[in-house]
Amino acid sequence: MNRLSEAEALLNRALAIDERNFEPDHPNVATRLNNIAQLLHVTNRWKEAEPLMRRALAIDEKSFGPDHPNTARDICNFARLLQDTDRLAEAEPLMRRSVEIFFRFAQSTGHEYPHGQIALLNFSALCKTSGMSVGEIRTKLEQPRTAAMLDEKIFQSLLAAAGLVLQ
């Protein structure tokens, strides 16, 4: 048995425990579902991962609301799966929404959310995969910045922290 199989068995066990001890739509259940889905994703078992990601997203959206960073994390994960299964047109608006939520968080708190850089990098990579130029990527990143009313100084700081230089 390889380590991934071992990890999958343990993750499924943790999910079963949480499903017994919490309501089926509890955020802890969503975390377990997301963890299993991520393992399935990285092992190219996309069809198995997708319903778990959808369920985790639905739970977190109901628990935390549509504009919470935990929901944005789930959206980003799901968009990445869509990107990896060559569903770029479906992935792009989700990735943009995720980035917008993280930008709103940064604007309202003055702090970056830990998954915000990942979302920025994923969105930028998605745009690049779609054949966009650096200027077009910058324009795409401006859309969630504008929607979130993110200060330009904070925007530049987040881009720099994510290692994105888009001049």
Protein backbone atom coordinates (compact mmCIF):
# COMPACT_ATOMS: atom_id res chain seq x y z
CA MET A 1 0.00 0.00 0.00
CA ASN A 2 1.48 3.35 -0.98
CA ARG A 3 1.28 6.42 1.24
CA LEU A 4 -1.49 8.08 -0.81
CA SER A 5 -3.72 5.05 -0.38
CA GLU A 6 -2.98 5.13 3.32
CA ALA A 7 -3.78 8.84 3.45
CA GLU A 8 -7.01 8.33 1.53
CA ALA A 9 -8.14 5.64 3.95
CA LEU A 10 -7.40 7.90 6.93
CA LEU A 11 -9.18 10.86 5.32
CA ASN A 12 -12.25 8.72 4.64
CA ARG A 13 -12.18 7.51 8.23
CA ALA A 14 -12.03 11.11 9.49
CA LEU A 15 -14.98 11.98 7.23
CA ALA A 16 -17.02 9.06 8.58
CA ILE A 17 -16.30 10.17 12.16
CA ASP A 18 -17.30 13.76 11.44
CA GLU A 19 -20.45 12.69 9.61
CA ARG A 20 -21.43 10.66 12.68
CA ASN A 21 -20.62 13.39 15.19
CA PHE A 22 -21.85 16.46 13.33
CA GLU A 23 -24.70 17.34 11.03
CA PRO A 24 -24.11 16.36 7.37
CA ASP A 25 -23.79 20.04 6.44
CA HIS A 26 -21.35 20.99 9.22
CA PRO A 27 -18.20 22.93 8.18
CA ASN A 28 -15.98 20.16 9.62
CA VAL A 29 -17.57 17.76 7.15
CA ALA A 30 -16.83 20.23 4.35
CA THR A 31 -13.18 20.36 5.42
CA ARG A 32 -12.92 16.57 5.28
CA LEU A 33 -14.65 16.45 1.90
CA ASN A 34 -12.30 19.11 0.57
CA ASN A 35 -9.25 17.22 1.85
CA ILE A 36 -10.35 13.99 0.18
CA ALA A 37 -11.20 15.86 -3.01
CA GLN A 38 -7.74 17.45 -3.07
CA LEU A 39 -6.10 14.04 -2.76
CA LEU A 40 -8.30 12.69 -5.56
CA HIS A 41 -7.50 15.77 -7.65
CA VAL A 42 -3.73 15.38 -7.35
CA THR A 43 -4.03 11.70 -8.25
CA ASN A 44 -6.02 12.60 -11.39
CA ARG A 45 -9.24 11.05 -10.12
CA TRP A 46 -11.17 14.12 -11.19
CA LYS A 47 -14.58 12.51 -11.63
CA GLU A 48 -14.45 11.27 -8.03
CA ALA A 49 -13.18 14.63 -6.74
CA GLU A 50 -15.79 16.85 -8.39
CA PRO A 51 -18.90 15.81 -6.40
CA LEU A 52 -16.94 16.08 -3.15
CA MET A 53 -15.79 19.59 -4.06
CA ARG A 54 -19.31 20.60 -5.02
CA ARG A 55 -20.68 19.28 -1.72
CA ALA A 56 -17.94 21.01 0.33
CA LEU A 57 -18.59 24.28 -1.48
CA ALA A 58 -22.35 24.03 -0.88
CA ILE A 59 -21.80 23.36 2.82
CA ASP A 60 -19.35 26.23 3.30
CA GLU A 61 -21.48 28.62 1.27
CA LYS A 62 -24.47 27.78 3.48
CA SER A 63 -22.42 27.87 6.71
CA PHE A 64 -20.25 30.94 6.12
CA GLY A 65 -22.00 32.80 3.30
CA PRO A 66 -21.12 33.38 -0.35
CA ASP A 67 -18.46 36.02 0.36
CA HIS A 68 -16.47 34.31 3.11
CA PRO A 69 -12.80 33.41 2.52
CA ASN A 70 -13.51 29.73 3.29
CA THR A 71 -16.07 29.74 0.51
CA ALA A 72 -13.53 31.45 -1.76
CA ARG A 73 -11.00 28.71 -0.98
CA ASP A 74 -13.53 26.06 -2.03
CA ILE A 75 -14.41 28.00 -5.18
CA CYS A 76 -10.71 28.27 -6.06
CA ASN A 77 -10.20 24.53 -5.54
CA PHE A 78 -13.20 23.70 -7.71
CA ALA A 79 -12.13 26.16 -10.43
CA ARG A 80 -8.70 24.55 -10.46
CA LEU A 81 -10.31 21.14 -11.01
CA LEU A 82 -12.33 22.60 -13.89
CA GLN A 83 -9.14 24.06 -15.34
CA ASP A 84 -7.33 20.74 -15.06
CA THR A 85 -10.21 19.01 -16.87
CA ASP A 86 -10.01 21.59 -19.67
CA ARG A 87 -13.23 23.39 -18.77
CA LEU A 88 -11.62 26.82 -18.89
CA ALA A 89 -14.82 28.71 -19.70
CA GLU A 90 -16.43 27.31 -16.53
CA ALA A 91 -13.30 27.85 -14.43
CA GLU A 92 -12.67 31.51 -15.29
CA PRO A 93 -15.72 33.15 -13.64
CA LEU A 94 -15.29 30.98 -10.54
CA MET A 95 -11.61 31.83 -10.25
CA ARG A 96 -12.43 35.53 -10.69
CA ARG A 97 -15.10 35.28 -7.97
CA SER A 98 -12.63 33.62 -5.62
CA VAL A 99 -10.04 36.34 -6.16
CA GLU A 100 -12.71 39.02 -5.69
CA ILE A 101 -13.69 37.55 -2.31
CA PHE A 102 -10.06 37.48 -1.18
CA PHE A 103 -9.62 41.08 -2.41
CA ARG A 104 -12.69 42.17 -0.41
CA PHE A 105 -11.24 40.50 2.66
CA ALA A 106 -7.94 42.34 2.18
CA GLN A 107 -9.72 45.66 1.64
CA SER A 108 -11.94 45.29 4.70
CA THR A 109 -9.30 43.94 7.11
CA GLY A 110 -6.06 45.35 5.72
CA HIS A 111 -4.65 41.82 5.81
CA GLU A 112 -4.15 39.16 3.22
CA TYR A 113 -5.98 35.86 3.64
CA PRO A 114 -3.58 32.87 3.46
CA HIS A 115 -5.21 31.35 0.36
CA GLY A 116 -5.38 34.68 -1.45
CA GLN A 117 -1.97 34.30 -3.08
CA ILE A 118 -2.86 30.82 -4.32
CA ALA A 119 -6.07 32.17 -5.86
CA LEU A 120 -4.15 34.99 -7.56
CA LEU A 121 -1.56 32.60 -8.95
CA ASN A 122 -4.23 30.16 -10.11
CA PHE A 123 -6.23 32.90 -11.80
CA SER A 124 -3.12 34.24 -13.50
CA ALA A 125 -2.16 30.71 -14.65
CA LEU A 126 -5.69 30.13 -15.96
CA CYS A 127 -5.49 33.36 -17.97
CA LYS A 128 -2.08 32.38 -19.33
CA THR A 129 -3.37 28.89 -20.25
CA SER A 130 -6.20 30.61 -22.11
CA GLY A 131 -3.55 32.35 -24.25
CA MET A 132 -3.79 35.83 -22.73
CA SER A 133 -0.97 38.33 -22.88
CA VAL A 134 0.46 39.96 -19.75
CA GLY A 135 -1.65 43.04 -20.47
CA GLU A 136 -4.80 40.96 -20.83
CA ILE A 137 -4.02 39.13 -17.58
CA ARG A 138 -3.57 42.48 -15.84
CA THR A 139 -6.97 43.56 -17.18
CA LYS A 140 -8.56 40.32 -15.95
CA LEU A 141 -7.07 40.85 -12.47
CA GLU A 142 -8.35 44.43 -12.47
CA GLN A 143 -11.95 43.18 -12.75
CA PRO A 144 -12.11 41.58 -9.27
CA ARG A 145 -9.98 44.41 -7.86
CA THR A 146 -12.51 46.97 -9.10
CA ALA A 147 -15.50 44.88 -7.95
CA ALA A 148 -13.95 44.53 -4.49
CA MET A 149 -13.04 48.25 -4.45
CA LEU A 150 -9.51 47.19 -3.50
CA ASP A 151 -7.06 50.03 -3.02
CA GLU A 152 -4.37 50.11 -5.74
CA LYS A 153 -1.59 50.08 -3.14
CA ILE A 154 -2.98 46.91 -1.51
CA PHE A 155 -3.52 45.40 -4.97
CA GLN A 156 0.12 45.97 -5.93
CA SER A 157 1.24 44.56 -2.58
CA LEU A 158 -0.83 41.40 -3.10
CA LEU A 159 0.49 40.97 -6.64
CA ALA A 160 4.06 41.37 -5.41
CA ALA A 161 3.50 38.92 -2.53
CA ALA A 162 2.18 36.39 -5.04
CA GLY A 163 5.22 36.99 -7.24
CA LEU A 164 3.14 38.49 -10.05
CA VAL A 165 4.74 41.39 -11.86
CA LEU A 166 2.27 42.65 -14.45
CA GLN A 167 3.51 45.95 -15.81
